[in-house]
Amino acid sequence: MTTEIGVCDTADMSETLTIRVPAEEKARWEKAAAAVRESVAEYVRGAVRQRTQAASQSPWEPHLGSTNVTVPAPTNANIRRAFARRRRHKG
C-alpha cells in the first residue's frame, strides 16, 4: 500500500501585491471598473500592464517596421536627380 504525499508547488502561484489608496480613489476605480464590467483587481492589473508596456516601448516603435523594397544606395547623382525633379514640379 503506497500513500502519496501532497506537494505544494509554488512555482506556478502568482504573487500578491497589496497597496493602500485613498477611499475616494478606490471609489473612482470601482466606478470605472463597473463601467467596463471588470473587477477592480482586473481593472487595476490592466492599467498597470498598459503603463508597463508603454514605459518599455519607444514612442517611435509603432511607426517602425521593415519593407521588402530594394532601394539603391544614395549617390550624388541620385540626390541631384531627386532635387531636380522637385524643382520642376514646384513650377
PDB file of N, CA and C in Angstrom:
ATOM      1  N   MET A   1       0.846  -1.177   0.000  1.00  0.00           N
ATOM      2  CA  MET A   1       0.000   0.000   0.000  1.00  0.00           C
ATOM      3  C   MET A   1       0.893   1.242   0.000  1.00  0.00           C
ATOM      4  N   THR A   2       0.702   2.081  -1.001  1.00  0.00           N
ATOM      5  CA  THR A   2       1.513   3.284  -1.141  1.00  0.00           C
ATOM      6  C   THR A   2       0.654   4.504  -0.851  1.00  0.00           C
ATOM      7  N   THR A   3       1.170   5.389  -0.036  1.00  0.00           N
ATOM      8  CA  THR A   3       0.448   6.642   0.227  1.00  0.00           C
ATOM      9  C   THR A   3       1.208   7.776  -0.435  1.00  0.00           C
ATOM     10  N   GLU A   4       0.494   8.619  -1.121  1.00  0.00           N
ATOM     11  CA  GLU A   4       1.124   9.764  -1.792  1.00  0.00           C
ATOM     12  C   GLU A   4       1.149  10.959  -0.847  1.00  0.00           C
ATOM     13  N   ILE A   5       2.249  11.671  -0.898  1.00  0.00           N
ATOM     14  CA  ILE A   5       2.373  12.872  -0.091  1.00  0.00           C
ATOM     15  C   ILE A   5       2.053  14.062  -0.977  1.00  0.00           C
ATOM     16  N   GLY A   6       1.135  14.887  -0.563  1.00  0.00           N
ATOM     17  CA  GLY A   6       0.779  16.084  -1.329  1.00  0.00           C
ATOM     18  C   GLY A   6       1.905  17.107  -1.283  1.00  0.00           C
ATOM     19  N   VAL A   7       2.262  17.610  -2.437  1.00  0.00           N
ATOM     20  CA  VAL A   7       3.334  18.602  -2.534  1.00  0.00           C
ATOM     21  C   VAL A   7       2.740  19.899  -3.046  1.00  0.00           C
ATOM     22  N   CYS A   8       3.088  20.967  -2.402  1.00  0.00           N
ATOM     23  CA  CYS A   8       2.624  22.280  -2.835  1.00  0.00           C
ATOM     24  C   CYS A   8       3.688  22.879  -3.756  1.00  0.00           C
ATOM     25  N   ASP A   9       3.365  23.008  -5.013  1.00  0.00           N
ATOM     26  CA  ASP A   9       4.302  23.575  -5.989  1.00  0.00           C
ATOM     27  C   ASP A   9       4.011  25.066  -6.111  1.00  0.00           C
ATOM     28  N   THR A  10       4.909  25.894  -5.599  1.00  0.00           N
ATOM     29  CA  THR A  10       4.680  27.332  -5.608  1.00  0.00           C
ATOM     30  C   THR A  10       5.200  28.012  -6.861  1.00  0.00           C
ATOM     31  N   ALA A  11       5.807  27.271  -7.770  1.00  0.00           N
ATOM     32  CA  ALA A  11       6.364  27.880  -8.979  1.00  0.00           C
ATOM     33  C   ALA A  11       5.282  28.508  -9.846  1.00  0.00           C
ATOM     34  N   ASP A  12       4.084  27.930  -9.844  1.00  0.00           N
ATOM     35  CA  ASP A  12       3.005  28.441 -10.695  1.00  0.00           C
ATOM     36  C   ASP A  12       2.079  29.414  -9.973  1.00  0.00           C
ATOM     37  N   MET A  13       2.362  29.702  -8.718  1.00  0.00           N
ATOM     38  CA  MET A  13       1.498  30.605  -7.964  1.00  0.00           C
ATOM     39  C   MET A  13       1.832  32.051  -8.298  1.00  0.00           C
ATOM     40  N   SER A  14       0.817  32.864  -8.296  1.00  0.00           N
ATOM     41  CA  SER A  14       1.047  34.287  -8.553  1.00  0.00           C
ATOM     42  C   SER A  14       1.438  34.994  -7.260  1.00  0.00           C
ATOM     43  N   GLU A  15       2.008  36.151  -7.422  1.00  0.00           N
ATOM     44  CA  GLU A  15       2.397  36.969  -6.280  1.00  0.00           C
ATOM     45  C   GLU A  15       1.227  37.858  -5.880  1.00  0.00           C
ATOM     46  N   THR A  16       1.210  38.291  -4.667  1.00  0.00           N
ATOM     47  CA  THR A  16       0.172  39.184  -4.170  1.00  0.00           C
ATOM     48  C   THR A  16       0.794  40.540  -3.883  1.00  0.00           C
ATOM     49  N   LEU A  17       0.153  41.582  -4.348  1.00  0.00           N
ATOM     50  CA  LEU A  17       0.600  42.944  -4.099  1.00  0.00           C
ATOM     51  C   LEU A  17      -0.534  43.679  -3.406  1.00  0.00           C
ATOM     52  N   THR A  18      -0.248  44.229  -2.256  1.00  0.00           N
ATOM     53  CA  THR A  18      -1.251  44.982  -1.504  1.00  0.00           C
ATOM     54  C   THR A  18      -0.831  46.438  -1.489  1.00  0.00           C
ATOM     55  N   ILE A  19      -1.761  47.309  -1.865  1.00  0.00           N
ATOM     56  CA  ILE A  19      -1.473  48.747  -1.855  1.00  0.00           C
ATOM     57  C   ILE A  19      -2.571  49.466  -1.083  1.00  0.00           C
ATOM     58  N   ARG A  20      -2.223  50.613  -0.554  1.00  0.00           N
ATOM     59  CA  ARG A  20      -3.215  51.442   0.134  1.00  0.00           C
ATOM     60  C   ARG A  20      -3.471  52.673  -0.727  1.00  0.00           C
ATOM     61  N   VAL A  21      -4.755  52.955  -0.947  1.00  0.00           N
ATOM     62  CA  VAL A  21      -5.143  54.136  -1.718  1.00  0.00           C
ATOM     63  C   VAL A  21      -6.229  54.871  -0.940  1.00  0.00           C
ATOM     64  N   PRO A  22      -6.357  56.159  -1.171  1.00  0.00           N
ATOM     65  CA  PRO A  22      -7.438  56.909  -0.516  1.00  0.00           C
ATOM     66  C   PRO A  22      -8.808  56.350  -0.926  1.00  0.00           C
ATOM     67  N   ALA A  23      -9.761  56.456  -0.040  1.00  0.00           N
ATOM     68  CA  ALA A  23     -11.108  55.921  -0.283  1.00  0.00           C
ATOM     69  C   ALA A  23     -11.730  56.509  -1.549  1.00  0.00           C
ATOM     70  N   GLU A  24     -11.479  57.805  -1.790  1.00  0.00           N
ATOM     71  CA  GLU A  24     -12.053  58.441  -2.991  1.00  0.00           C
ATOM     72  C   GLU A  24     -11.490  57.821  -4.262  1.00  0.00           C
ATOM     73  N   GLU A  25     -10.193  57.521  -4.235  1.00  0.00           N
ATOM     74  CA  GLU A  25      -9.571  56.924  -5.421  1.00  0.00           C
ATOM     75  C   GLU A  25     -10.107  55.514  -5.653  1.00  0.00           C
ATOM     76  N   LYS A  26     -10.270  54.744  -4.574  1.00  0.00           N
ATOM     77  CA  LYS A  26     -10.825  53.397  -4.700  1.00  0.00           C
ATOM     78  C   LYS A  26     -12.235  53.460  -5.270  1.00  0.00           C
ATOM     79  N   ALA A  27     -13.012  54.436  -4.841  1.00  0.00           N
ATOM     80  CA  ALA A  27     -14.378  54.596  -5.357  1.00  0.00           C
ATOM     81  C   ALA A  27     -14.355  54.898  -6.857  1.00  0.00           C
ATOM     82  N   ARG A  28     -13.403  55.731  -7.300  1.00  0.00           N
ATOM     83  CA  ARG A  28     -13.270  56.025  -8.742  1.00  0.00           C
ATOM     84  C   ARG A  28     -12.904  54.764  -9.519  1.00  0.00           C
ATOM     85  N   TRP A  29     -11.994  53.958  -8.949  1.00  0.00           N
ATOM     86  CA  TRP A  29     -11.595  52.707  -9.610  1.00  0.00           C
ATOM     87  C   TRP A  29     -12.774  51.743  -9.702  1.00  0.00           C
ATOM     88  N   GLU A  30     -13.561  51.654  -8.629  1.00  0.00           N
ATOM     89  CA  GLU A  30     -14.724  50.767  -8.637  1.00  0.00           C
ATOM     90  C   GLU A  30     -15.737  51.197  -9.690  1.00  0.00           C
ATOM     91  N   LYS A  31     -15.955  52.504  -9.785  1.00  0.00           N
ATOM     92  CA  LYS A  31     -16.901  53.029 -10.770  1.00  0.00           C
ATOM     93  C   LYS A  31     -16.404  52.767 -12.200  1.00  0.00           C
ATOM     94  N   ALA A  32     -15.115  53.016 -12.440  1.00  0.00           N
ATOM     95  CA  ALA A  32     -14.543  52.789 -13.775  1.00  0.00           C
ATOM     96  C   ALA A  32     -14.560  51.299 -14.127  1.00  0.00           C
ATOM     97  N   ALA A  33     -14.248  50.450 -13.157  1.00  0.00           N
ATOM     98  CA  ALA A  33     -14.250  49.002 -13.398  1.00  0.00           C
ATOM     99  C   ALA A  33     -15.661  48.504 -13.700  1.00  0.00           C
ATOM    100  N   ALA A  34     -16.637  49.018 -12.963  1.00  0.00           N
ATOM    101  CA  ALA A  34     -18.028  48.613 -13.197  1.00  0.00           C
ATOM    102  C   ALA A  34     -18.494  49.045 -14.586  1.00  0.00           C
ATOM    103  N   ALA A  35     -18.008  50.198 -15.045  1.00  0.00           N
ATOM    104  CA  ALA A  35     -18.413  50.692 -16.370  1.00  0.00           C
ATOM    105  C   ALA A  35     -17.946  49.773 -17.487  1.00  0.00           C
ATOM    106  N   VAL A  36     -16.831  49.085 -17.284  1.00  0.00           N
ATOM    107  CA  VAL A  36     -16.322  48.166 -18.317  1.00  0.00           C
ATOM    108  C   VAL A  36     -16.557  46.704 -17.928  1.00  0.00           C
ATOM    109  N   ARG A  37     -17.371  46.510 -16.890  1.00  0.00           N
ATOM    110  CA  ARG A  37     -17.763  45.173 -16.411  1.00  0.00           C
ATOM    111  C   ARG A  37     -16.556  44.299 -16.060  1.00  0.00           C
ATOM    112  N   GLU A  38     -15.651  44.863 -15.272  1.00  0.00           N
ATOM    113  CA  GLU A  38     -14.495  44.130 -14.772  1.00  0.00           C
ATOM    114  C   GLU A  38     -14.460  44.270 -13.261  1.00  0.00           C
ATOM    115  N   SER A  39     -13.722  43.359 -12.634  1.00  0.00           N
ATOM    116  CA  SER A  39     -13.494  43.524 -11.198  1.00  0.00           C
ATOM    117  C   SER A  39     -12.460  44.636 -11.027  1.00  0.00           C
ATOM    118  N   VAL A  40     -12.405  45.215  -9.849  1.00  0.00           N
ATOM    119  CA  VAL A  40     -11.422  46.265  -9.594  1.00  0.00           C
ATOM    120  C   VAL A  40     -10.018  45.702  -9.774  1.00  0.00           C
ATOM    121  N   ALA A  41      -9.806  44.476  -9.310  1.00  0.00           N
ATOM    122  CA  ALA A  41      -8.488  43.849  -9.433  1.00  0.00           C
ATOM    123  C   ALA A  41      -8.064  43.734 -10.899  1.00  0.00           C
ATOM    124  N   GLU A  42      -8.967  43.270 -11.753  1.00  0.00           N
ATOM    125  CA  GLU A  42      -8.626  43.114 -13.175  1.00  0.00           C
ATOM    126  C   GLU A  42      -8.431  44.473 -13.844  1.00  0.00           C
ATOM    127  N   TYR A  43      -9.230  45.448 -13.437  1.00  0.00           N
ATOM    128  CA  TYR A  43      -9.100  46.797 -13.982  1.00  0.00           C
ATOM    129  C   TYR A  43      -7.722  47.377 -13.658  1.00  0.00           C
ATOM    130  N   VAL A  44      -7.307  47.223 -12.408  1.00  0.00           N
ATOM    131  CA  VAL A  44      -6.004  47.745 -11.979  1.00  0.00           C
ATOM    132  C   VAL A  44      -4.877  46.978 -12.666  1.00  0.00           C
ATOM    133  N   ARG A  45      -5.002  45.641 -12.749  1.00  0.00           N
ATOM    134  CA  ARG A  45      -3.980  44.843 -13.451  1.00  0.00           C
ATOM    135  C   ARG A  45      -3.810  45.324 -14.887  1.00  0.00           C
ATOM    136  N   GLY A  46      -4.927  45.570 -15.564  1.00  0.00           N
ATOM    137  CA  GLY A  46      -4.875  46.050 -16.948  1.00  0.00           C
ATOM    138  C   GLY A  46      -4.187  47.401 -17.052  1.00  0.00           C
ATOM    139  N   ALA A  47      -4.501  48.297 -16.125  1.00  0.00           N
ATOM    140  CA  ALA A  47      -3.884  49.632 -16.143  1.00  0.00           C
ATOM    141  C   ALA A  47      -2.382  49.539 -15.904  1.00  0.00           C
ATOM    142  N   VAL A  48      -1.978  48.674 -14.984  1.00  0.00           N
ATOM    143  CA  VAL A  48      -0.549  48.504 -14.712  1.00  0.00           C
ATOM    144  C   VAL A  48       0.153  47.892 -15.920  1.00  0.00           C
ATOM    145  N   ARG A  49      -0.474  46.895 -16.555  1.00  0.00           N
ATOM    146  CA  ARG A  49       0.116  46.279 -17.764  1.00  0.00           C
ATOM    147  C   ARG A  49       0.315  47.321 -18.865  1.00  0.00           C
ATOM    148  N   GLN A  50      -0.706  48.145 -19.101  1.00  0.00           N
ATOM    149  CA  GLN A  50      -0.614  49.185 -20.143  1.00  0.00           C
ATOM    150  C   GLN A  50       0.523  50.148 -19.850  1.00  0.00           C
ATOM    151  N   ARG A  51       0.620  50.565 -18.613  1.00  0.00           N
ATOM    152  CA  ARG A  51       1.670  51.525 -18.250  1.00  0.00           C
ATOM    153  C   ARG A  51       3.050  50.903 -18.360  1.00  0.00           C
ATOM    154  N   THR A  52       3.173  49.639 -17.975  1.00  0.00           N
ATOM    155  CA  THR A  52       4.453  48.942 -18.067  1.00  0.00           C
ATOM    156  C   THR A  52       4.871  48.792 -19.526  1.00  0.00           C
ATOM    157  N   GLN A  53       3.932  48.411 -20.388  1.00  0.00           N
ATOM    158  CA  GLN A  53       4.243  48.267 -21.812  1.00  0.00           C
ATOM    159  C   GLN A  53       4.615  49.605 -22.427  1.00  0.00           C
ATOM    160  N   ALA A  54       3.890  50.653 -22.074  1.00  0.00           N
ATOM    161  CA  ALA A  54       4.171  51.978 -22.628  1.00  0.00           C
ATOM    162  C   ALA A  54       5.541  52.472 -22.191  1.00  0.00           C
ATOM    163  N   ALA A  55       5.933  52.162 -20.956  1.00  0.00           N
ATOM    164  CA  ALA A  55       7.231  52.615 -20.452  1.00  0.00           C
ATOM    165  C   ALA A  55       8.380  51.882 -21.131  1.00  0.00           C
ATOM    166  N   SER A  56       8.132  50.645 -21.555  1.00  0.00           N
ATOM    167  CA  SER A  56       9.206  49.864 -22.164  1.00  0.00           C
ATOM    168  C   SER A  56       9.229  50.006 -23.681  1.00  0.00           C
ATOM    169  N   GLN A  57       8.305  50.753 -24.243  1.00  0.00           N
ATOM    170  CA  GLN A  57       8.199  50.890 -25.693  1.00  0.00           C
ATOM    171  C   GLN A  57       8.594  52.300 -26.116  1.00  0.00           C
ATOM    172  N   SER A  58       9.373  52.370 -27.165  1.00  0.00           N
ATOM    173  CA  SER A  58       9.761  53.661 -27.724  1.00  0.00           C
ATOM    174  C   SER A  58       8.539  54.312 -28.356  1.00  0.00           C
ATOM    175  N   PRO A  59       8.400  55.626 -28.263  1.00  0.00           N
ATOM    176  CA  PRO A  59       7.253  56.272 -28.915  1.00  0.00           C
ATOM    177  C   PRO A  59       7.293  56.119 -30.432  1.00  0.00           C
ATOM    178  N   TRP A  60       8.451  55.785 -30.981  1.00  0.00           N
ATOM    179  CA  TRP A  60       8.583  55.597 -32.424  1.00  0.00           C
ATOM    180  C   TRP A  60       8.275  54.177 -32.863  1.00  0.00           C
ATOM    181  N   GLU A  61       8.236  53.241 -31.930  1.00  0.00           N
ATOM    182  CA  GLU A  61       8.093  51.833 -32.276  1.00  0.00           C
ATOM    183  C   GLU A  61       6.886  51.510 -33.168  1.00  0.00           C
ATOM    184  N   PRO A  62       5.705  52.077 -32.924  1.00  0.00           N
ATOM    185  CA  PRO A  62       4.585  51.763 -33.812  1.00  0.00           C
ATOM    186  C   PRO A  62       4.820  52.197 -35.262  1.00  0.00           C
ATOM    187  N   HIS A  63       5.696  53.175 -35.458  1.00  0.00           N
ATOM    188  CA  HIS A  63       5.933  53.696 -36.799  1.00  0.00           C
ATOM    189  C   HIS A  63       7.073  52.977 -37.519  1.00  0.00           C
ATOM    190  N   LEU A  64       7.820  52.171 -36.789  1.00  0.00           N
ATOM    191  CA  LEU A  64       8.952  51.475 -37.383  1.00  0.00           C
ATOM    192  C   LEU A  64       8.512  50.140 -37.945  1.00  0.00           C
ATOM    193  N   GLY A  65       9.226  49.664 -38.914  1.00  0.00           N
ATOM    194  CA  GLY A  65       8.901  48.376 -39.495  1.00  0.00           C
ATOM    195  C   GLY A  65       9.907  48.035 -40.558  1.00  0.00           C
ATOM    196  N   SER A  66       9.645  46.975 -41.252  1.00  0.00           N
ATOM    197  CA  SER A  66      10.546  46.596 -42.328  1.00  0.00           C
ATOM    198  C   SER A  66       9.761  46.551 -43.628  1.00  0.00           C
ATOM    199  N   THR A  67      10.466  46.727 -44.705  1.00  0.00           N
ATOM    200  CA  THR A  67       9.840  46.680 -46.023  1.00  0.00           C
ATOM    201  C   THR A  67      10.604  45.709 -46.896  1.00  0.00           C
ATOM    202  N   ASN A  68       9.976  45.283 -47.954  1.00  0.00           N
ATOM    203  CA  ASN A  68      10.609  44.373 -48.894  1.00  0.00           C
ATOM    204  C   ASN A  68      10.982  45.101 -50.178  1.00  0.00           C
ATOM    205  N   VAL A  69      11.271  46.363 -50.077  1.00  0.00           N
ATOM    206  CA  VAL A  69      11.579  47.172 -51.246  1.00  0.00           C
ATOM    207  C   VAL A  69      13.094  47.331 -51.349  1.00  0.00           C
ATOM    208  N   THR A  70      13.615  47.083 -52.517  1.00  0.00           N
ATOM    209  CA  THR A  70      15.038  47.285 -52.742  1.00  0.00           C
ATOM    210  C   THR A  70      15.245  48.723 -53.171  1.00  0.00           C
ATOM    211  N   VAL A  71      16.056  49.425 -52.437  1.00  0.00           N
ATOM    212  CA  VAL A  71      16.313  50.833 -52.713  1.00  0.00           C
ATOM    213  C   VAL A  71      17.792  50.981 -53.042  1.00  0.00           C
ATOM    214  N   PRO A  72      18.093  51.657 -54.141  1.00  0.00           N
ATOM    215  CA  PRO A  72      19.507  51.840 -54.463  1.00  0.00           C
ATOM    216  C   PRO A  72      20.191  52.731 -53.432  1.00  0.00           C
ATOM    217  N   ALA A  73      21.449  52.495 -53.231  1.00  0.00           N
ATOM    218  CA  ALA A  73      22.208  53.321 -52.295  1.00  0.00           C
ATOM    219  C   ALA A  73      22.230  54.755 -52.811  1.00  0.00           C
ATOM    220  N   PRO A  74      22.130  55.735 -51.921  1.00  0.00           N
ATOM    221  CA  PRO A  74      22.137  57.119 -52.378  1.00  0.00           C
ATOM    222  C   PRO A  74      23.508  57.500 -52.927  1.00  0.00           C
ATOM    223  N   THR A  75      23.483  58.106 -54.064  1.00  0.00           N
ATOM    224  CA  THR A  75      24.715  58.627 -54.661  1.00  0.00           C
ATOM    225  C   THR A  75      24.473  60.098 -54.941  1.00  0.00           C
ATOM    226  N   ASN A  76      25.504  60.806 -55.230  1.00  0.00           N
ATOM    227  CA  ASN A  76      25.334  62.223 -55.564  1.00  0.00           C
ATOM    228  C   ASN A  76      24.415  62.394 -56.772  1.00  0.00           C
ATOM    229  N   ALA A  77      24.559  61.486 -57.751  1.00  0.00           N
ATOM    230  CA  ALA A  77      23.724  61.579 -58.956  1.00  0.00           C
ATOM    231  C   ALA A  77      22.251  61.384 -58.588  1.00  0.00           C
ATOM    232  N   ASN A  78      21.965  60.412 -57.739  1.00  0.00           N
ATOM    233  CA  ASN A  78      20.571  60.162 -57.328  1.00  0.00           C
ATOM    234  C   ASN A  78      19.990  61.366 -56.595  1.00  0.00           C
ATOM    235  N   ILE A  79      20.775  61.942 -55.725  1.00  0.00           N
ATOM    236  CA  ILE A  79      20.301  63.082 -54.941  1.00  0.00           C
ATOM    237  C   ILE A  79      20.070  64.294 -55.836  1.00  0.00           C
ATOM    238  N   ARG A  80      21.007  64.563 -56.744  1.00  0.00           N
ATOM    239  CA  ARG A  80      20.819  65.692 -57.666  1.00  0.00           C
ATOM    240  C   ARG A  80      19.578  65.489 -58.524  1.00  0.00           C
ATOM    241  N   ARG A  81      19.362  64.264 -58.987  1.00  0.00           N
ATOM    242  CA  ARG A  81      18.196  63.964 -59.821  1.00  0.00           C
ATOM    243  C   ARG A  81      16.904  64.190 -59.016  1.00  0.00           C
ATOM    244  N   ALA A  82      16.879  63.755 -57.759  1.00  0.00           N
ATOM    245  CA  ALA A  82      15.679  63.923 -56.925  1.00  0.00           C
ATOM    246  C   ALA A  82      15.370  65.406 -56.702  1.00  0.00           C
ATOM    247  N   PHE A  83      16.407  66.199 -56.422  1.00  0.00           N
ATOM    248  CA  PHE A  83      16.178  67.628 -56.223  1.00  0.00           C
ATOM    249  C   PHE A  83      15.774  68.310 -57.525  1.00  0.00           C
ATOM    250  N   ALA A  84      16.316  67.864 -58.651  1.00  0.00           N
ATOM    251  CA  ALA A  84      15.942  68.439 -59.944  1.00  0.00           C
ATOM    252  C   ALA A  84      14.457  68.170 -60.216  1.00  0.00           C
ATOM    253  N   ARG A  85      14.004  66.965 -59.937  1.00  0.00           N
ATOM    254  CA  ARG A  85      12.592  66.630 -60.121  1.00  0.00           C
ATOM    255  C   ARG A  85      11.714  67.503 -59.243  1.00  0.00           C
ATOM    256  N   ARG A  86      12.165  67.744 -58.036  1.00  0.00           N
ATOM    257  CA  ARG A  86      11.401  68.549 -57.100  1.00  0.00           C
ATOM    258  C   ARG A  86      11.250  69.988 -57.621  1.00  0.00           C
ATOM    259  N   ARG A  87      12.330  70.544 -58.150  1.00  0.00           N
ATOM    260  CA  ARG A  87      12.272  71.914 -58.659  1.00  0.00           C
ATOM    261  C   ARG A  87      11.339  72.018 -59.857  1.00  0.00           C
ATOM    262  N   ARG A  88      11.365  70.999 -60.734  1.00  0.00           N
ATOM    263  CA  ARG A  88      10.496  71.018 -61.920  1.00  0.00           C
ATOM    264  C   ARG A  88       9.018  70.973 -61.540  1.00  0.00           C
ATOM    265  N   HIS A  89       8.680  70.213 -60.482  1.00  0.00           N
ATOM    266  CA  HIS A  89       7.280  70.048 -60.105  1.00  0.00           C
ATOM    267  C   HIS A  89       6.715  71.216 -59.309  1.00  0.00           C
ATOM    268  N   LYS A  90       7.577  72.028 -58.729  1.00  0.00           N
ATOM    269  CA  LYS A  90       7.084  73.179 -57.966  1.00  0.00           C
ATOM    270  C   LYS A  90       6.486  74.236 -58.886  1.00  0.00           C
ATOM    271  N   GLY A  91       7.026  74.346 -60.092  1.00  0.00           N
ATOM    272  CA  GLY A  91       6.501  75.220 -61.107  1.00  0.00           C
ATOM    273  C   GLY A  91       6.504  76.613 -60.786  1.00  0.00           C
TER     274      GLY A  91
END
